């Protein structure tokens, strides 16, 4: 009987990256809706550029992590990308209180 050798690490990567890939593809096929959402958050001047960066991070980064290539670089880019929104969220929270 043939049993393929599949590691638990690969299955977890497949499930996790599958979620991010499907989110990226959803954004790609519903781009007008998502660009409008970015514009509503006060970033109309760069909504398309932000959308393209988010797509690259979600689809490209998830693909690299899925195939276990440059995982360290993807993690650094994800962390760097989240610094700016977190700064605005924290600043808005202190301004409201």
N, C-alpha and C. Protein backbone atom coordinates (compact mmCIF):
# COMPACT_ATOMS: atom_id res chain seq x y z
N UNK A 1 0.84 -1.17 0.00
CA UNK A 1 0.00 0.00 0.00
C UNK A 1 0.90 1.24 0.00
N UNK A 2 0.60 2.19 -0.87
CA UNK A 2 1.39 3.41 -0.99
C UNK A 2 0.83 4.49 -0.07
N UNK A 3 1.67 5.01 0.80
CA UNK A 3 1.27 6.09 1.70
C UNK A 3 2.20 7.28 1.45
N UNK A 4 1.66 8.38 0.92
CA UNK A 4 2.52 9.54 0.68
C UNK A 4 3.02 10.13 1.99
N UNK A 5 4.24 10.60 1.96
CA UNK A 5 4.83 11.19 3.15
C UNK A 5 4.51 12.68 3.18
N UNK A 6 3.49 13.02 3.97
CA UNK A 6 3.06 14.41 4.11
C UNK A 6 3.30 14.82 5.56
N UNK A 7 4.05 15.89 5.71
CA UNK A 7 4.34 16.33 7.07
C UNK A 7 3.20 17.18 7.62
N UNK A 8 3.11 17.21 8.91
CA UNK A 8 2.11 18.03 9.58
C UNK A 8 2.38 19.51 9.28
N UNK A 9 3.65 19.87 9.20
CA UNK A 9 4.04 21.24 8.90
C UNK A 9 3.49 21.67 7.55
N UNK A 10 3.55 20.79 6.55
CA UNK A 10 3.00 21.13 5.23
C UNK A 10 1.49 21.29 5.27
N UNK A 11 0.81 20.43 5.99
CA UNK A 11 -0.65 20.52 6.08
C UNK A 11 -1.06 21.83 6.75
N UNK A 12 -0.36 22.22 7.81
CA UNK A 12 -0.67 23.48 8.48
C UNK A 12 -0.39 24.65 7.55
N UNK A 13 0.73 24.60 6.83
CA UNK A 13 1.04 25.67 5.86
C UNK A 13 -0.03 25.73 4.79
N UNK A 14 -0.48 24.59 4.32
CA UNK A 14 -1.50 24.54 3.27
C UNK A 14 -2.81 25.16 3.75
N UNK A 15 -3.24 24.83 4.95
CA UNK A 15 -4.48 25.38 5.48
C UNK A 15 -4.36 26.88 5.74
N UNK A 16 -3.27 27.30 6.37
CA UNK A 16 -3.08 28.72 6.69
C UNK A 16 -2.94 29.55 5.42
N UNK A 17 -2.08 29.13 4.52
CA UNK A 17 -1.87 29.89 3.29
C UNK A 17 -3.07 29.82 2.37
N UNK A 18 -3.83 28.75 2.44
CA UNK A 18 -5.05 28.66 1.64
C UNK A 18 -6.04 29.74 2.02
N UNK A 19 -6.13 30.04 3.31
CA UNK A 19 -7.02 31.10 3.76
C UNK A 19 -6.57 32.44 3.20
N UNK A 20 -5.26 32.74 3.29
CA UNK A 20 -4.74 34.02 2.80
C UNK A 20 -4.83 34.10 1.28
N UNK A 21 -4.58 32.99 0.59
CA UNK A 21 -4.70 33.00 -0.87
C UNK A 21 -6.14 33.24 -1.30
N UNK A 22 -7.08 32.61 -0.63
CA UNK A 22 -8.48 32.82 -0.99
C UNK A 22 -8.92 34.25 -0.68
N UNK A 23 -8.41 34.83 0.41
CA UNK A 23 -8.73 36.23 0.72
C UNK A 23 -8.16 37.16 -0.34
N UNK A 24 -6.94 36.90 -0.78
CA UNK A 24 -6.33 37.71 -1.83
C UNK A 24 -7.06 37.59 -3.16
N UNK A 25 -7.46 36.38 -3.50
CA UNK A 25 -8.20 36.18 -4.76
C UNK A 25 -9.58 36.83 -4.68
N UNK A 26 -10.20 36.78 -3.51
CA UNK A 26 -11.49 37.46 -3.34
C UNK A 26 -11.33 38.96 -3.55
N UNK A 27 -10.28 39.53 -2.98
CA UNK A 27 -10.03 40.96 -3.17
C UNK A 27 -9.73 41.28 -4.62
N UNK A 28 -9.02 40.38 -5.29
CA UNK A 28 -8.70 40.61 -6.70
C UNK A 28 -9.95 40.65 -7.56
N UNK A 29 -10.87 39.74 -7.33
CA UNK A 29 -12.09 39.67 -8.16
C UNK A 29 -13.17 40.65 -7.72
N UNK A 30 -13.02 41.24 -6.54
CA UNK A 30 -13.95 42.27 -6.05
C UNK A 30 -13.19 43.55 -5.74
N UNK A 31 -12.30 43.92 -6.62
CA UNK A 31 -11.38 45.02 -6.35
C UNK A 31 -12.09 46.36 -6.15
N UNK A 32 -13.15 46.63 -6.89
CA UNK A 32 -13.86 47.89 -6.75
C UNK A 32 -14.38 48.09 -5.34
N UNK A 33 -14.94 47.05 -4.77
CA UNK A 33 -15.47 47.10 -3.41
C UNK A 33 -14.36 47.39 -2.40
N UNK A 34 -13.22 46.72 -2.54
CA UNK A 34 -12.14 46.87 -1.57
C UNK A 34 -11.42 48.21 -1.73
N UNK A 35 -11.28 48.69 -2.95
CA UNK A 35 -10.68 50.01 -3.15
C UNK A 35 -11.58 51.09 -2.56
N UNK A 36 -12.88 50.95 -2.73
CA UNK A 36 -13.82 51.90 -2.14
C UNK A 36 -13.71 51.88 -0.61
N UNK A 37 -13.51 50.72 -0.02
CA UNK A 37 -13.34 50.61 1.43
C UNK A 37 -12.09 51.32 1.91
N UNK A 38 -11.01 51.22 1.14
CA UNK A 38 -9.78 51.93 1.50
C UNK A 38 -10.00 53.43 1.41
N UNK A 39 -10.73 53.87 0.38
CA UNK A 39 -11.02 55.30 0.23
C UNK A 39 -11.86 55.82 1.38
N UNK A 40 -12.79 55.02 1.87
CA UNK A 40 -13.64 55.44 2.98
C UNK A 40 -12.87 55.62 4.28
N UNK A 41 -11.71 54.97 4.39
CA UNK A 41 -10.88 55.10 5.59
C UNK A 41 -9.94 56.30 5.48
N UNK A 42 -10.18 57.18 4.53
CA UNK A 42 -9.41 58.42 4.44
C UNK A 42 -8.12 58.32 3.67
N UNK A 43 -7.96 57.30 2.85
CA UNK A 43 -6.74 57.16 2.08
C UNK A 43 -7.04 57.11 0.59
N UNK A 44 -7.86 58.04 0.13
CA UNK A 44 -8.29 58.05 -1.27
C UNK A 44 -7.15 58.34 -2.22
N UNK A 45 -6.16 59.09 -1.77
CA UNK A 45 -5.06 59.47 -2.65
C UNK A 45 -4.22 58.28 -3.10
N UNK A 46 -4.17 57.24 -2.32
CA UNK A 46 -3.32 56.09 -2.65
C UNK A 46 -4.08 54.77 -2.55
N UNK A 47 -5.38 54.79 -2.75
CA UNK A 47 -6.18 53.57 -2.55
C UNK A 47 -5.74 52.45 -3.48
N UNK A 48 -5.49 52.75 -4.75
CA UNK A 48 -5.10 51.71 -5.69
C UNK A 48 -3.72 51.16 -5.36
N UNK A 49 -2.79 52.03 -4.99
CA UNK A 49 -1.45 51.58 -4.64
C UNK A 49 -1.47 50.70 -3.39
N UNK A 50 -2.24 51.11 -2.40
CA UNK A 50 -2.36 50.31 -1.17
C UNK A 50 -2.98 48.97 -1.49
N UNK A 51 -3.99 48.97 -2.36
CA UNK A 51 -4.65 47.73 -2.75
C UNK A 51 -3.68 46.77 -3.43
N UNK A 52 -2.84 47.29 -4.32
CA UNK A 52 -1.86 46.44 -5.02
C UNK A 52 -0.85 45.86 -4.04
N UNK A 53 -0.40 46.67 -3.09
CA UNK A 53 0.56 46.18 -2.09
C UNK A 53 -0.08 45.09 -1.23
N UNK A 54 -1.32 45.30 -0.82
CA UNK A 54 -2.02 44.28 -0.02
C UNK A 54 -2.17 42.98 -0.81
N UNK A 55 -2.52 43.09 -2.08
CA UNK A 55 -2.64 41.89 -2.92
C UNK A 55 -1.31 41.17 -3.05
N UNK A 56 -0.24 41.91 -3.29
CA UNK A 56 1.08 41.29 -3.40
C UNK A 56 1.47 40.59 -2.11
N UNK A 57 1.20 41.23 -1.00
CA UNK A 57 1.55 40.62 0.29
C UNK A 57 0.71 39.37 0.53
N UNK A 58 -0.59 39.45 0.27
CA UNK A 58 -1.45 38.30 0.55
C UNK A 58 -1.19 37.14 -0.41
N UNK A 59 -1.22 37.41 -1.70
CA UNK A 59 -1.09 36.32 -2.68
C UNK A 59 0.36 35.89 -2.82
N UNK A 60 1.25 36.85 -3.02
CA UNK A 60 2.66 36.51 -3.20
C UNK A 60 3.29 35.93 -1.95
N UNK A 61 3.05 36.60 -0.83
CA UNK A 61 3.62 36.11 0.43
C UNK A 61 3.09 34.75 0.82
N UNK A 62 1.80 34.55 0.65
CA UNK A 62 1.21 33.25 1.00
C UNK A 62 1.74 32.14 0.10
N UNK A 63 1.94 32.45 -1.17
CA UNK A 63 2.49 31.45 -2.08
C UNK A 63 3.91 31.06 -1.69
N UNK A 64 4.71 32.06 -1.33
CA UNK A 64 6.09 31.76 -0.90
C UNK A 64 6.11 30.95 0.38
N UNK A 65 5.26 31.29 1.34
CA UNK A 65 5.21 30.54 2.60
C UNK A 65 4.71 29.12 2.33
N UNK A 66 3.71 28.98 1.46
CA UNK A 66 3.18 27.65 1.15
C UNK A 66 4.26 26.73 0.61
N UNK A 67 5.11 27.25 -0.26
CA UNK A 67 6.16 26.43 -0.85
C UNK A 67 7.48 26.51 -0.09
N UNK A 68 7.43 27.11 1.12
CA UNK A 68 8.56 27.16 2.04
C UNK A 68 9.77 27.86 1.42
N UNK A 69 9.53 28.96 0.73
CA UNK A 69 10.59 29.76 0.11
C UNK A 69 10.57 31.16 0.72
N UNK A 70 11.70 31.63 1.16
CA UNK A 70 11.86 32.99 1.69
C UNK A 70 10.82 33.33 2.76
N UNK A 71 10.56 32.40 3.65
CA UNK A 71 9.58 32.62 4.71
C UNK A 71 10.03 33.77 5.61
N UNK A 72 11.31 33.85 5.88
CA UNK A 72 11.85 34.92 6.72
C UNK A 72 11.58 36.29 6.10
N UNK A 73 11.75 36.41 4.79
CA UNK A 73 11.52 37.70 4.12
C UNK A 73 10.04 38.08 4.14
N UNK A 74 9.18 37.11 3.93
CA UNK A 74 7.74 37.37 3.96
C UNK A 74 7.32 37.85 5.34
N UNK A 75 7.86 37.22 6.38
CA UNK A 75 7.52 37.63 7.75
C UNK A 75 7.98 39.05 8.04
N UNK A 76 9.17 39.41 7.59
CA UNK A 76 9.67 40.77 7.81
C UNK A 76 8.79 41.78 7.08
N UNK A 77 8.38 41.47 5.86
CA UNK A 77 7.52 42.38 5.09
C UNK A 77 6.16 42.51 5.76
N UNK A 78 5.57 41.39 6.21
CA UNK A 78 4.28 41.45 6.89
C UNK A 78 4.36 42.30 8.16
N UNK A 79 5.39 42.09 8.96
CA UNK A 79 5.55 42.87 10.19
C UNK A 79 5.71 44.34 9.86
N UNK A 80 6.56 44.65 8.88
CA UNK A 80 6.75 46.04 8.49
C UNK A 80 5.50 46.69 7.95
N UNK A 81 4.70 45.93 7.23
CA UNK A 81 3.47 46.48 6.66
C UNK A 81 2.45 46.79 7.74
N UNK A 82 2.44 46.01 8.82
CA UNK A 82 1.45 46.22 9.88
C UNK A 82 1.82 47.32 10.86
N UNK A 83 3.05 47.81 10.85
CA UNK A 83 3.43 48.88 11.76
C UNK A 83 2.61 50.15 11.52
N UNK A 84 2.43 50.54 10.28
CA UNK A 84 1.71 51.78 9.98
C UNK A 84 0.24 51.73 10.40
N UNK A 85 -0.53 50.71 10.03
CA UNK A 85 -1.93 50.70 10.50
C UNK A 85 -2.06 50.64 12.01
N UNK A 86 -1.19 49.90 12.66
CA UNK A 86 -1.26 49.80 14.12
C UNK A 86 -0.99 51.17 14.74
N UNK A 87 -0.05 51.92 14.18
CA UNK A 87 0.24 53.27 14.67
C UNK A 87 -1.01 54.14 14.59
N UNK A 88 -1.72 54.10 13.46
CA UNK A 88 -2.92 54.92 13.31
C UNK A 88 -4.05 54.47 14.23
N UNK A 89 -4.18 53.18 14.44
CA UNK A 89 -5.22 52.65 15.32
C UNK A 89 -4.95 53.08 16.77
N UNK A 90 -3.71 52.96 17.20
CA UNK A 90 -3.38 53.35 18.57
C UNK A 90 -3.53 54.84 18.75
N UNK A 91 -3.09 55.63 17.77
CA UNK A 91 -3.21 57.08 17.86
C UNK A 91 -4.66 57.51 17.91
N UNK A 92 -5.51 56.88 17.10
CA UNK A 92 -6.94 57.21 17.10
C UNK A 92 -7.58 56.85 18.44
N UNK A 93 -7.13 55.76 19.04
CA UNK A 93 -7.67 55.35 20.33
C UNK A 93 -7.35 56.35 21.43
N UNK A 94 -6.14 56.90 21.41
CA UNK A 94 -5.76 57.89 22.43
C UNK A 94 -6.44 59.23 22.19
N UNK A 95 -6.73 59.55 20.93
CA UNK A 95 -7.40 60.82 20.64
C UNK A 95 -8.86 60.80 21.06
N UNK A 96 -9.48 59.63 21.03
CA UNK A 96 -10.89 59.50 21.41
C UNK A 96 -11.09 59.47 22.90
N UNK A 97 -10.06 59.18 23.67
CA UNK A 97 -10.25 59.09 25.12
C UNK A 97 -9.86 60.34 25.85
